[in-house]
Each structure stands twice: as structure tokens, then as C-alpha cells.
C-alpha atoms as a PDB file:
ATOM      1  CA  MET A   1     109.208 298.090 -67.467  1.00  0.00           C
ATOM      2  CA  GLY A   2     105.501 298.207 -67.791  1.00  0.00           C
ATOM      3  CA  HIS A   3     103.714 301.008 -65.159  1.00  0.00           C
ATOM      4  CA  ARG A   4     102.762 299.646 -61.795  1.00  0.00           C
ATOM      5  CA  VAL A   5      99.291 300.132 -60.647  1.00  0.00           C
ATOM      6  CA  CYS A   6      98.012 299.181 -56.762  1.00  0.00           C
ATOM      7  CA  VAL A   7      94.435 298.384 -56.162  1.00  0.00           C
ATOM      8  CA  VAL A   8      94.378 298.888 -52.285  1.00  0.00           C
ATOM      9  CA  GLY A   9      91.136 296.365 -51.541  1.00  0.00           C
ATOM     10  CA  ALA A  10      90.105 293.439 -52.419  1.00  0.00           C
ATOM     11  CA  GLY A  11      85.964 293.893 -52.376  1.00  0.00           C
ATOM     12  CA  VAL A  12      83.925 293.703 -55.560  1.00  0.00           C
ATOM     13  CA  VAL A  13      85.200 297.272 -56.257  1.00  0.00           C
ATOM     14  CA  GLY A  14      88.644 296.449 -56.078  1.00  0.00           C
ATOM     15  CA  LEU A  15      88.706 293.560 -57.889  1.00  0.00           C
ATOM     16  CA  SER A  16      86.391 294.455 -60.390  1.00  0.00           C
ATOM     17  CA  SER A  17      89.062 297.853 -61.015  1.00  0.00           C
ATOM     18  CA  ALA A  18      92.328 295.490 -61.090  1.00  0.00           C
ATOM     19  CA  VAL A  19      90.558 293.477 -63.321  1.00  0.00           C
ATOM     20  CA  CYS A  20      89.089 296.119 -65.952  1.00  0.00           C
ATOM     21  CA  ILE A  21      92.958 297.770 -65.267  1.00  0.00           C
ATOM     22  CA  GLN A  22      93.876 294.623 -67.090  1.00  0.00           C
ATOM     23  CA  GLU A  23      91.446 294.513 -70.168  1.00  0.00           C
ATOM     24  CA  LYS A  24      92.024 298.264 -70.546  1.00  0.00           C
ATOM     25  CA  VAL A  25      95.710 298.297 -70.523  1.00  0.00           C
ATOM     26  CA  PRO A  26      97.420 295.122 -71.927  1.00  0.00           C
ATOM     27  CA  GLY A  27     101.000 294.499 -70.357  1.00  0.00           C
ATOM     28  CA  ILE A  28     100.548 296.549 -67.346  1.00  0.00           C
ATOM     29  CA  GLN A  29     101.703 295.032 -63.787  1.00  0.00           C
ATOM     30  CA  VAL A  30      98.651 294.949 -61.361  1.00  0.00           C
ATOM     31  CA  THR A  31      98.589 294.268 -57.622  1.00  0.00           C
ATOM     32  CA  VAL A  32      96.315 293.828 -55.337  1.00  0.00           C
ATOM     33  CA  LEU A  33      96.776 295.413 -51.655  1.00  0.00           C
ATOM     34  CA  SER A  34      94.386 294.610 -49.057  1.00  0.00           C
ATOM     35  CA  GLU A  35      94.329 293.227 -45.034  1.00  0.00           C
ATOM     36  CA  LYS A  36      91.385 291.195 -45.939  1.00  0.00           C
ATOM     37  CA  PHE A  37      90.560 288.629 -48.701  1.00  0.00           C
ATOM     38  CA  SER A  38      87.294 286.832 -49.420  1.00  0.00           C
ATOM     39  CA  PRO A  39      85.336 284.881 -47.656  1.00  0.00           C
ATOM     40  CA  HIS A  40      86.124 288.104 -45.066  1.00  0.00           C
ATOM     41  CA  THR A  41      85.004 290.798 -46.858  1.00  0.00           C
ATOM     42  CA  THR A  42      81.987 292.791 -46.734  1.00  0.00           C
ATOM     43  CA  SER A  43      81.269 292.173 -50.013  1.00  0.00           C
ATOM     44  CA  ASP A  44      81.181 288.054 -49.242  1.00  0.00           C
ATOM     45  CA  GLY A  45      77.755 289.119 -47.075  1.00  0.00           C
ATOM     46  CA  ALA A  46      75.916 290.772 -49.914  1.00  0.00           C
ATOM     47  CA  ALA A  47      73.579 289.020 -51.726  1.00  0.00           C
ATOM     48  CA  GLY A  48      74.245 291.290 -54.494  1.00  0.00           C
ATOM     49  CA  PHE A  49      70.708 292.352 -55.900  1.00  0.00           C
ATOM     50  CA  TRP A  50      70.983 294.564 -58.615  1.00  0.00           C
ATOM     51  CA  GLU A  51      68.514 298.142 -57.533  1.00  0.00           C
ATOM     52  CA  PRO A  52      70.252 301.551 -57.023  1.00  0.00           C
ATOM     53  CA  HIS A  53      70.316 301.619 -53.056  1.00  0.00           C
ATOM     54  CA  ILE A  54      71.816 304.042 -50.536  1.00  0.00           C
ATOM     55  CA  LEU A  55      72.602 306.423 -52.710  1.00  0.00           C
ATOM     56  CA  SER A  56      73.145 309.854 -50.681  1.00  0.00           C
ATOM     57  CA  ASP A  57      73.485 312.712 -52.798  1.00  0.00           C
ATOM     58  CA  THR A  58      75.208 310.939 -55.725  1.00  0.00           C
ATOM     59  CA  PRO A  59      73.976 313.080 -58.830  1.00  0.00           C
ATOM     60  CA  GLN A  60      71.095 310.855 -60.443  1.00  0.00           C
ATOM     61  CA  GLU A  61      72.698 311.138 -63.974  1.00  0.00           C
ATOM     62  CA  LEU A  62      75.667 309.087 -62.327  1.00  0.00           C
ATOM     63  CA  VAL A  63      73.854 306.575 -60.577  1.00  0.00           C
ATOM     64  CA  ARG A  64      71.946 306.184 -63.950  1.00  0.00           C
ATOM     65  CA  ARG A  65      75.117 305.924 -65.888  1.00  0.00           C
ATOM     66  CA  TRP A  66      76.699 303.401 -63.386  1.00  0.00           C
ATOM     67  CA  GLY A  67      73.467 301.389 -62.587  1.00  0.00           C
ATOM     68  CA  ASP A  68      72.680 300.415 -66.607  1.00  0.00           C
ATOM     69  CA  GLU A  69      76.590 299.768 -66.589  1.00  0.00           C
ATOM     70  CA  THR A  70      76.523 297.662 -63.905  1.00  0.00           C
ATOM     71  CA  TRP A  71      72.810 295.776 -65.266  1.00  0.00           C
ATOM     72  CA  ASP A  72      74.499 295.180 -68.944  1.00  0.00           C
ATOM     73  CA  HIS A  73      77.665 293.622 -67.509  1.00  0.00           C
ATOM     74  CA  LEU A  74      75.183 291.737 -65.303  1.00  0.00           C
ATOM     75  CA  LYS A  75      73.157 290.298 -68.383  1.00  0.00           C
ATOM     76  CA  THR A  76      76.242 289.240 -70.189  1.00  0.00           C
ATOM     77  CA  LEU A  77      77.702 287.463 -67.628  1.00  0.00           C
ATOM     78  CA  TYR A  78      73.868 285.815 -67.112  1.00  0.00           C
ATOM     79  CA  LEU A  79      74.409 284.863 -70.663  1.00  0.00           C
ATOM     80  CA  SER A  80      77.164 283.166 -70.877  1.00  0.00           C
ATOM     81  CA  PRO A  81      78.542 279.494 -69.753  1.00  0.00           C
ATOM     82  CA  VAL A  82      80.168 280.994 -66.613  1.00  0.00           C
ATOM     83  CA  ALA A  83      77.113 282.191 -64.956  1.00  0.00           C
ATOM     84  CA  VAL A  84      77.001 279.719 -62.550  1.00  0.00           C
ATOM     85  CA  ASP A  85      80.715 279.866 -61.354  1.00  0.00           C
ATOM     86  CA  VAL A  86      80.101 283.583 -61.393  1.00  0.00           C
ATOM     87  CA  GLY A  87      76.951 283.200 -59.126  1.00  0.00           C
ATOM     88  CA  VAL A  88      74.699 285.552 -61.103  1.00  0.00           C
ATOM     89  CA  MET A  89      70.880 284.655 -61.396  1.00  0.00           C
ATOM     90  CA  LEU A  90      67.608 286.053 -62.481  1.00  0.00           C
ATOM     91  CA  LEU A  91      65.599 286.290 -59.723  1.00  0.00           C
ATOM     92  CA  SER A  92      61.302 288.022 -59.641  1.00  0.00           C
ATOM     93  CA  GLY A  93      59.461 289.192 -56.931  1.00  0.00           C
ATOM     94  CA  TYR A  94      57.528 291.826 -55.540  1.00  0.00           C
ATOM     95  CA  HIS A  95      58.163 295.496 -54.470  1.00  0.00           C
ATOM     96  CA  LEU A  96      55.696 296.072 -51.525  1.00  0.00           C
ATOM     97  CA  HIS A  97      54.364 299.880 -50.299  1.00  0.00           C
ATOM     98  CA  LYS A  98      51.674 300.802 -47.978  1.00  0.00           C
ATOM     99  CA  GLN A  99      50.924 304.147 -49.980  1.00  0.00           C
ATOM    100  CA  PRO A 100      51.305 304.750 -53.468  1.00  0.00           C
ATOM    101  CA  GLN A 101      54.243 305.661 -55.190  1.00  0.00           C
ATOM    102  CA  GLN A 102      56.197 306.773 -58.816  1.00  0.00           C
ATOM    103  CA  ASP A 103      57.713 303.931 -60.272  1.00  0.00           C
ATOM    104  CA  PRO A 104      61.147 303.723 -59.761  1.00  0.00           C
ATOM    105  CA  THR A 105      63.903 305.496 -62.014  1.00  0.00           C
ATOM    106  CA  TRP A 106      65.279 301.950 -63.079  1.00  0.00           C
ATOM    107  CA  ALA A 107      61.643 300.602 -64.338  1.00  0.00           C
ATOM    108  CA  SER A 108      62.765 300.440 -67.951  1.00  0.00           C
ATOM    109  CA  LYS A 109      66.015 298.384 -67.067  1.00  0.00           C
ATOM    110  CA  VAL A 110      64.608 295.447 -65.476  1.00  0.00           C
ATOM    111  CA  PHE A 111      62.469 292.704 -67.050  1.00  0.00           C
ATOM    112  CA  GLY A 112      58.724 292.761 -66.842  1.00  0.00           C
ATOM    113  CA  PHE A 113      58.268 295.483 -64.737  1.00  0.00           C
ATOM    114  CA  ARG A 114      54.368 296.199 -63.751  1.00  0.00           C
ATOM    115  CA  HIS A 115      52.006 297.236 -60.990  1.00  0.00           C
ATOM    116  CA  LEU A 116      50.872 295.077 -58.895  1.00  0.00           C
ATOM    117  CA  THR A 117      47.420 293.753 -59.035  1.00  0.00           C
ATOM    118  CA  LYS A 118      44.544 293.804 -56.611  1.00  0.00           C
ATOM    119  CA  GLN A 119      44.760 290.181 -56.682  1.00  0.00           C
ATOM    120  CA  ASP A 120      48.627 290.266 -56.218  1.00  0.00           C
ATOM    121  CA  LEU A 121      47.990 292.277 -52.983  1.00  0.00           C
ATOM    122  CA  GLN A 122      46.270 289.632 -51.536  1.00  0.00           C
ATOM    123  CA  GLN A 123      49.557 287.800 -50.696  1.00  0.00           C
ATOM    124  CA  PHE A 124      50.409 291.093 -48.338  1.00  0.00           C
ATOM    125  CA  PRO A 125      47.726 292.007 -46.454  1.00  0.00           C
ATOM    126  CA  GLY A 126      48.590 295.722 -45.305  1.00  0.00           C
ATOM    127  CA  PHE A 127      50.072 296.458 -48.961  1.00  0.00           C
ATOM    128  CA  SER A 128      48.027 298.850 -51.119  1.00  0.00           C
ATOM    129  CA  SER A 129      50.749 298.930 -54.055  1.00  0.00           C
ATOM    130  CA  GLY A 130      53.567 297.821 -55.070  1.00  0.00           C
ATOM    131  CA  TRP A 131      55.336 296.572 -58.077  1.00  0.00           C
ATOM    132  CA  PHE A 132      56.729 292.876 -60.015  1.00  0.00           C
ATOM    133  CA  SER A 133      59.267 292.479 -61.806  1.00  0.00           C
ATOM    134  CA  THR A 134      62.651 290.423 -62.515  1.00  0.00           C
ATOM    135  CA  HIS A 135      66.039 291.647 -61.649  1.00  0.00           C
ATOM    136  CA  LEU A 136      69.677 289.938 -61.877  1.00  0.00           C
ATOM    137  CA  LEU A 137      71.280 288.952 -58.707  1.00  0.00           C
ATOM    138  CA  CYS A 138      75.007 288.372 -58.573  1.00  0.00           C
ATOM    139  CA  GLU A 139      76.254 286.220 -55.076  1.00  0.00           C
ATOM    140  CA  GLY A 140      79.389 288.222 -53.859  1.00  0.00           C
ATOM    141  CA  LYS A 141      80.547 284.904 -52.175  1.00  0.00           C
ATOM    142  CA  LYS A 142      80.613 283.426 -55.816  1.00  0.00           C
ATOM    143  CA  TYR A 143      81.661 286.694 -57.555  1.00  0.00           C
ATOM    144  CA  LEU A 144      84.654 287.190 -55.740  1.00  0.00           C
ATOM    145  CA  PRO A 145      86.576 284.296 -56.091  1.00  0.00           C
ATOM    146  CA  TRP A 146      85.850 283.945 -59.706  1.00  0.00           C
ATOM    147  CA  LEU A 147      87.073 287.669 -60.037  1.00  0.00           C
ATOM    148  CA  MET A 148      90.199 286.626 -58.161  1.00  0.00           C
ATOM    149  CA  THR A 149      90.650 283.528 -60.359  1.00  0.00           C
ATOM    150  CA  LYS A 150      90.609 285.429 -63.669  1.00  0.00           C
ATOM    151  CA  PHE A 151      93.367 288.467 -62.319  1.00  0.00           C
ATOM    152  CA  LYS A 152      95.649 285.839 -61.244  1.00  0.00           C
ATOM    153  CA  LYS A 153      95.185 284.066 -64.457  1.00  0.00           C
ATOM    154  CA  ALA A 154      96.168 287.528 -66.257  1.00  0.00           C
ATOM    155  CA  GLY A 155      99.440 287.874 -64.697  1.00  0.00           C
ATOM    156  CA  GLY A 156      98.232 289.820 -61.496  1.00  0.00           C
ATOM    157  CA  LYS A 157      99.544 289.883 -58.525  1.00  0.00           C
ATOM    158  CA  VAL A 158      98.065 289.514 -54.910  1.00  0.00           C
ATOM    159  CA  GLN A 159      99.775 290.926 -51.371  1.00  0.00           C
ATOM    160  CA  GLN A 160      98.100 291.324 -48.000  1.00  0.00           C
ATOM    161  CA  GLY A 161      98.875 294.143 -45.372  1.00  0.00           C
ATOM    162  CA  LYS A 162      97.596 297.026 -43.990  1.00  0.00           C
ATOM    163  CA  VAL A 163      98.369 300.072 -45.614  1.00  0.00           C
ATOM    164  CA  THR A 164      98.518 303.188 -43.076  1.00  0.00           C
ATOM    165  CA  SER A 165      99.373 306.058 -45.829  1.00  0.00           C
ATOM    166  CA  LEU A 166      98.985 305.948 -49.758  1.00  0.00           C
ATOM    167  CA  THR A 167     102.147 308.108 -50.094  1.00  0.00           C
ATOM    168  CA  GLU A 168     104.242 304.217 -48.714  1.00  0.00           C
ATOM    169  CA  LEU A 169     102.831 302.980 -52.023  1.00  0.00           C
ATOM    170  CA  ALA A 170     104.311 305.627 -53.994  1.00  0.00           C
ATOM    171  CA  ASP A 171     108.194 304.406 -54.536  1.00  0.00           C
ATOM    172  CA  HIS A 172     106.949 301.389 -55.467  1.00  0.00           C
ATOM    173  CA  TYR A 173     103.759 301.863 -57.986  1.00  0.00           C
ATOM    174  CA  ASP A 174     103.097 304.478 -60.673  1.00  0.00           C
ATOM    175  CA  VAL A 175      99.455 304.407 -60.035  1.00  0.00           C
ATOM    176  CA  VAL A 176      97.774 303.918 -57.068  1.00  0.00           C
ATOM    177  CA  VAL A 177      93.999 302.753 -56.980  1.00  0.00           C
ATOM    178  CA  ASN A 178      92.134 303.497 -53.472  1.00  0.00           C
ATOM    179  CA  CYS A 179      89.178 300.495 -53.736  1.00  0.00           C
ATOM    180  CA  CYS A 180      89.125 300.639 -49.649  1.00  0.00           C
ATOM    181  CA  GLY A 181      85.894 301.296 -48.765  1.00  0.00           C
ATOM    182  CA  ILE A 182      85.447 302.453 -45.211  1.00  0.00           C
ATOM    183  CA  GLY A 183      88.966 302.594 -44.613  1.00  0.00           C
ATOM    184  CA  ALA A 184      89.342 305.557 -46.759  1.00  0.00           C
ATOM    185  CA  ARG A 185      87.874 307.634 -43.781  1.00  0.00           C
ATOM    186  CA  GLU A 186      91.415 306.890 -41.849  1.00  0.00           C
ATOM    187  CA  LEU A 187      93.819 306.080 -44.647  1.00  0.00           C
ATOM    188  CA  VAL A 188      93.069 309.558 -46.654  1.00  0.00           C
ATOM    189  CA  GLY A 189      91.304 311.268 -43.690  1.00  0.00           C
ATOM    190  CA  ASP A 190      87.941 311.593 -44.976  1.00  0.00           C
ATOM    191  CA  SER A 191      85.819 312.424 -42.119  1.00  0.00           C
ATOM    192  CA  THR A 192      82.860 312.446 -44.499  1.00  0.00           C
ATOM    193  CA  VAL A 193      82.491 308.696 -45.232  1.00  0.00           C
ATOM    194  CA  LYS A 194      80.743 306.956 -42.372  1.00  0.00           C
ATOM    195  CA  PRO A 195      79.451 303.993 -42.462  1.00  0.00           C
ATOM    196  CA  VAL A 196      76.057 302.280 -42.824  1.00  0.00           C
ATOM    197  CA  ARG A 197      75.794 299.045 -41.006  1.00  0.00           C
ATOM    198  CA  GLY A 198      73.519 295.710 -42.530  1.00  0.00           C
ATOM    199  CA  GLN A 199      72.797 293.113 -40.534  1.00  0.00           C
ATOM    200  CA  VAL A 200      71.090 290.100 -42.415  1.00  0.00           C
ATOM    201  CA  TYR A 201      70.183 286.251 -41.463  1.00  0.00           C
ATOM    202  CA  ARG A 202      70.388 283.446 -44.268  1.00  0.00           C
ATOM    203  CA  VAL A 203      68.373 280.503 -43.786  1.00  0.00           C
ATOM    204  CA  ASN A 204      67.610 277.431 -45.422  1.00  0.00           C
ATOM    205  CA  ALA A 205      64.167 278.071 -47.165  1.00  0.00           C
ATOM    206  CA  PRO A 206      64.161 276.143 -50.468  1.00  0.00           C
ATOM    207  CA  TRP A 207      60.277 276.907 -50.977  1.00  0.00           C
ATOM    208  CA  VAL A 208      60.794 280.681 -51.278  1.00  0.00           C
ATOM    209  CA  LYS A 209      60.936 281.221 -54.684  1.00  0.00           C
ATOM    210  CA  HIS A 210      60.523 285.089 -55.029  1.00  0.00           C
ATOM    211  CA  TYR A 211      62.083 288.112 -53.537  1.00  0.00           C
ATOM    212  CA  MET A 212      60.154 290.679 -51.357  1.00  0.00           C
ATOM    213  CA  ILE A 213      60.957 294.079 -50.244  1.00  0.00           C
ATOM    214  CA  ALA A 214      58.930 295.877 -47.918  1.00  0.00           C
ATOM    215  CA  HIS A 215      59.773 299.775 -48.606  1.00  0.00           C
ATOM    216  CA  ASP A 216      57.586 301.138 -45.068  1.00  0.00           C
ATOM    217  CA  ASP A 217      59.202 298.544 -42.648  1.00  0.00           C
ATOM    218  CA  PRO A 218      61.671 298.096 -44.120  1.00  0.00           C
ATOM    219  CA  CYS A 219      62.263 294.444 -44.482  1.00  0.00           C
ATOM    220  CA  TYR A 220      63.365 292.046 -47.544  1.00  0.00           C
ATOM    221  CA  ILE A 221      63.621 288.289 -48.668  1.00  0.00           C
ATOM    222  CA  LEU A 222      66.245 287.848 -51.475  1.00  0.00           C
ATOM    223  CA  PRO A 223      66.369 283.774 -52.248  1.00  0.00           C
ATOM    224  CA  CYS A 224      70.084 282.856 -53.643  1.00  0.00           C
ATOM    225  CA  ALA A 225      71.591 279.928 -54.960  1.00  0.00           C
ATOM    226  CA  ASN A 226      71.620 277.908 -52.416  1.00  0.00           C
ATOM    227  CA  ASN A 227      69.712 279.802 -49.235  1.00  0.00           C
ATOM    228  CA  VAL A 228      67.726 282.880 -48.313  1.00  0.00           C
ATOM    229  CA  VAL A 229      68.732 286.241 -47.377  1.00  0.00           C
ATOM    230  CA  LEU A 230      66.854 287.865 -44.783  1.00  0.00           C
ATOM    231  CA  GLY A 231      67.256 291.748 -44.302  1.00  0.00           C
ATOM    232  CA  GLY A 232      67.941 294.215 -43.244  1.00  0.00           C
ATOM    233  CA  THR A 233      69.055 296.969 -41.421  1.00  0.00           C
ATOM    234  CA  ALA A 234      71.032 300.120 -43.122  1.00  0.00           C
ATOM    235  CA  GLN A 235      72.381 302.400 -40.298  1.00  0.00           C
ATOM    236  CA  LYS A 236      74.092 305.400 -40.613  1.00  0.00           C
ATOM    237  CA  GLY A 237      77.119 305.878 -38.713  1.00  0.00           C
ATOM    238  CA  ASN A 238      76.798 302.750 -36.501  1.00  0.00           C
ATOM    239  CA  TRP A 239      80.025 300.463 -36.257  1.00  0.00           C
ATOM    240  CA  ASN A 240      79.246 297.551 -35.013  1.00  0.00           C
ATOM    241  CA  LEU A 241      80.405 294.480 -36.679  1.00  0.00           C
ATOM    242  CA  SER A 242      78.596 292.117 -34.026  1.00  0.00           C
ATOM    243  CA  PRO A 243      75.065 290.745 -34.739  1.00  0.00           C
ATOM    244  CA  HIS A 244      72.243 293.364 -32.605  1.00  0.00           C
ATOM    245  CA  PRO A 245      69.405 291.059 -30.853  1.00  0.00           C
ATOM    246  CA  THR A 246      66.955 293.273 -31.451  1.00  0.00           C
ATOM    247  CA  ASP A 247      67.867 293.699 -35.195  1.00  0.00           C
ATOM    248  CA  SER A 248      68.067 290.009 -35.368  1.00  0.00           C
ATOM    249  CA  LYS A 249      64.499 290.170 -33.882  1.00  0.00           C
ATOM    250  CA  ASP A 250      62.806 292.671 -36.207  1.00  0.00           C
ATOM    251  CA  ILE A 251      64.083 291.269 -39.206  1.00  0.00           C
ATOM    252  CA  TRP A 252      62.874 287.513 -38.432  1.00  0.00           C
ATOM    253  CA  GLU A 253      59.399 289.087 -37.469  1.00  0.00           C
ATOM    254  CA  GLY A 254      59.187 291.597 -40.350  1.00  0.00           C
ATOM    255  CA  CYS A 255      59.913 288.796 -42.955  1.00  0.00           C
ATOM    256  CA  CYS A 256      57.615 286.513 -40.948  1.00  0.00           C
ATOM    257  CA  GLN A 257      55.065 288.121 -41.742  1.00  0.00           C
ATOM    258  CA  LEU A 258      56.058 288.333 -45.048  1.00  0.00           C
ATOM    259  CA  VAL A 259      56.263 284.598 -45.511  1.00  0.00           C
ATOM    260  CA  PRO A 260      54.306 283.346 -42.463  1.00  0.00           C
ATOM    261  CA  SER A 261      56.007 279.854 -43.670  1.00  0.00           C
ATOM    262  CA  LEU A 262      59.337 280.593 -42.395  1.00  0.00           C
ATOM    263  CA  ARG A 263      58.092 280.473 -38.534  1.00  0.00           C
ATOM    264  CA  THR A 264      58.247 276.912 -39.352  1.00  0.00           C
ATOM    265  CA  LEU A 265      62.415 276.961 -39.081  1.00  0.00           C
ATOM    266  CA  SER A 266      61.959 278.347 -35.700  1.00  0.00           C
ATOM    267  CA  PRO A 267      64.223 278.270 -33.992  1.00  0.00           C
ATOM    268  CA  VAL A 268      66.252 280.076 -36.750  1.00  0.00           C
ATOM    269  CA  PRO A 269      68.688 278.170 -38.720  1.00  0.00           C
ATOM    270  CA  ILE A 270      71.344 280.669 -38.920  1.00  0.00           C
ATOM    271  CA  LEU A 271      73.692 279.591 -41.724  1.00  0.00           C
ATOM    272  CA  ARG A 272      75.655 282.718 -41.378  1.00  0.00           C
ATOM    273  CA  SER A 273      74.644 286.102 -39.883  1.00  0.00           C
ATOM    274  CA  ILE A 274      76.144 289.360 -40.939  1.00  0.00           C
ATOM    275  CA  SER A 275      76.846 292.628 -39.636  1.00  0.00           C
ATOM    276  CA  GLY A 276      78.414 294.228 -42.303  1.00  0.00           C
ATOM    277  CA  ARG A 277      79.338 297.651 -43.196  1.00  0.00           C
ATOM    278  CA  ASN A 278      77.564 298.753 -46.788  1.00  0.00           C
ATOM    279  CA  PHE A 279      79.220 301.935 -46.753  1.00  0.00           C
ATOM    280  CA  ALA A 280      78.204 305.498 -48.217  1.00  0.00           C
ATOM    281  CA  ALA A 281      79.789 308.658 -47.697  1.00  0.00           C
ATOM    282  CA  TRP A 282      77.525 311.300 -46.660  1.00  0.00           C
ATOM    283  CA  HIS A 283      78.018 314.255 -44.759  1.00  0.00           C
ATOM    284  CA  GLY A 284      77.278 313.580 -40.732  1.00  0.00           C
END
């Protein structure tokens, strides 16, 4: 009998890990065990815009290596026939600042990075500098089902259930891979793992073609294949999974300042208002 591996967690990290294990170790038996699966994971709500974000104290070398590997992987998918099924697309747009900033570490990785001209900035009153660049975007709600199909076709097994301790899996698997995100706080007793709460809108605004990220406010607009994501929050230590009215108002007003024509959607037609937890380990 071959080795048995259990991946705990079915978000983008869990399913990606499971598929990678299958590819690296042919013949191995991999099981994904999770309490929730797509479309009920945090990854399903993510727009999937490639850019290092909420990195806590992660060493820059690791951020660079992980970011480069992810970019190269997404670019390969974008240039393949499965790009539409995977949900990978190119998205150009603007990073906006009220004060000049140093070029980001990812400037040489994205396509067409340049500084905004005075003419560019006329579109965005109140901002004095910024960048234009083209990024890769991979929508979680498409990528997760694609990963799951690939995993199952390669012989992977899926089991739904809640794990209360990794030791309970020891008699059934040779290797256990922990990809449970915020669940690690209870599962392995790691009190340093705390949530970073993200809330967004999804609206129908097909005329919005460029992303816009206002770093000083902060708010952002990310056009996806079938809707536009308006965000957002990044609230450390906030466990609330319900949309908060104040956050909703701040997101809406901030995005309407960037694109005033969004006000034609009032009252706001929310396709999906998401309060997910984008997890990062930070020391409180």
C-alpha cells in the first residue's frame, strides 16, 4: 500500500497543496478533509488579484520567492487553453497615492509598470502620484472547482468533517498537511494566529475596465469576469463574519469617489456582500 496523505483544509492553499502532492509523488493516496468546501470558503470570496499583501513579519526573501512562483504559475495558466475555466485573466489599472512612494518590490514582475503622468492623475482628484501596471487575477470561485476536478481525476479523495486534533488522524495517515487557515488557532493551539477581516461588495458595473487601488483611504475596485469587486477592509483581530453597515458605507463612498458613475447603481445592487477572514499570523 502506498503512503497516505491527508490535507486538512479545502481553501486555495489546501487544494493547491493536494494537487501539488499528487504531481510530485505519483501513486500516492491523498485525501482532502475539511469542514467547508467551495463555494463556502474564504477563498471563494476573493477577487484573486496578484500582489503581496498583509504580510506581517514574513521575511522579504520568502515573500519574493512565493510571489514569483505564484506569478509564474498563474501566467502559465493564463497562456493555456484552460484559462477561462480556471478564472485567470489580465487586469490593468492604477495604484494611487497622496504622497510619492518608492517603487514596489513587485514592479519588475508585473507587465508594463510605469509612473502616472500629470495627465493620468487628472482622473483622480486628491491623488498626487501613482503607478500603472498590468497584473494577473485568478478568481477563487472558478479556481477552486477547477482544482477540485483536477484533484479527483487524479484519484484524490474528499471527506467532509471537523478535525479537533491532528493526532486523531495519526492512525489513518502517514502524513498530515495542515492548511486550515485561521482554524490553526484552535487545532494546534497557536494563539498567534488571528484574523484579518475583509468585507467587499460585488456589483454589476460592466463599464469599469481598470482596477483602482487607493492606498491612503484605503479602498479598491477590481473588475472580474462577471462583476466588479468593491473593497474593502483589513481589520486585525475582528472575528465578525456579517457585513457591517459602517464598513459598507465607507467602501461604497470611497469607491464612488474613484468612479462617480457607480452612484448610478444606487440603491446598491449587491450580488454578494462578503465578510471573509483573510488570515495572517500576527503577534498581538
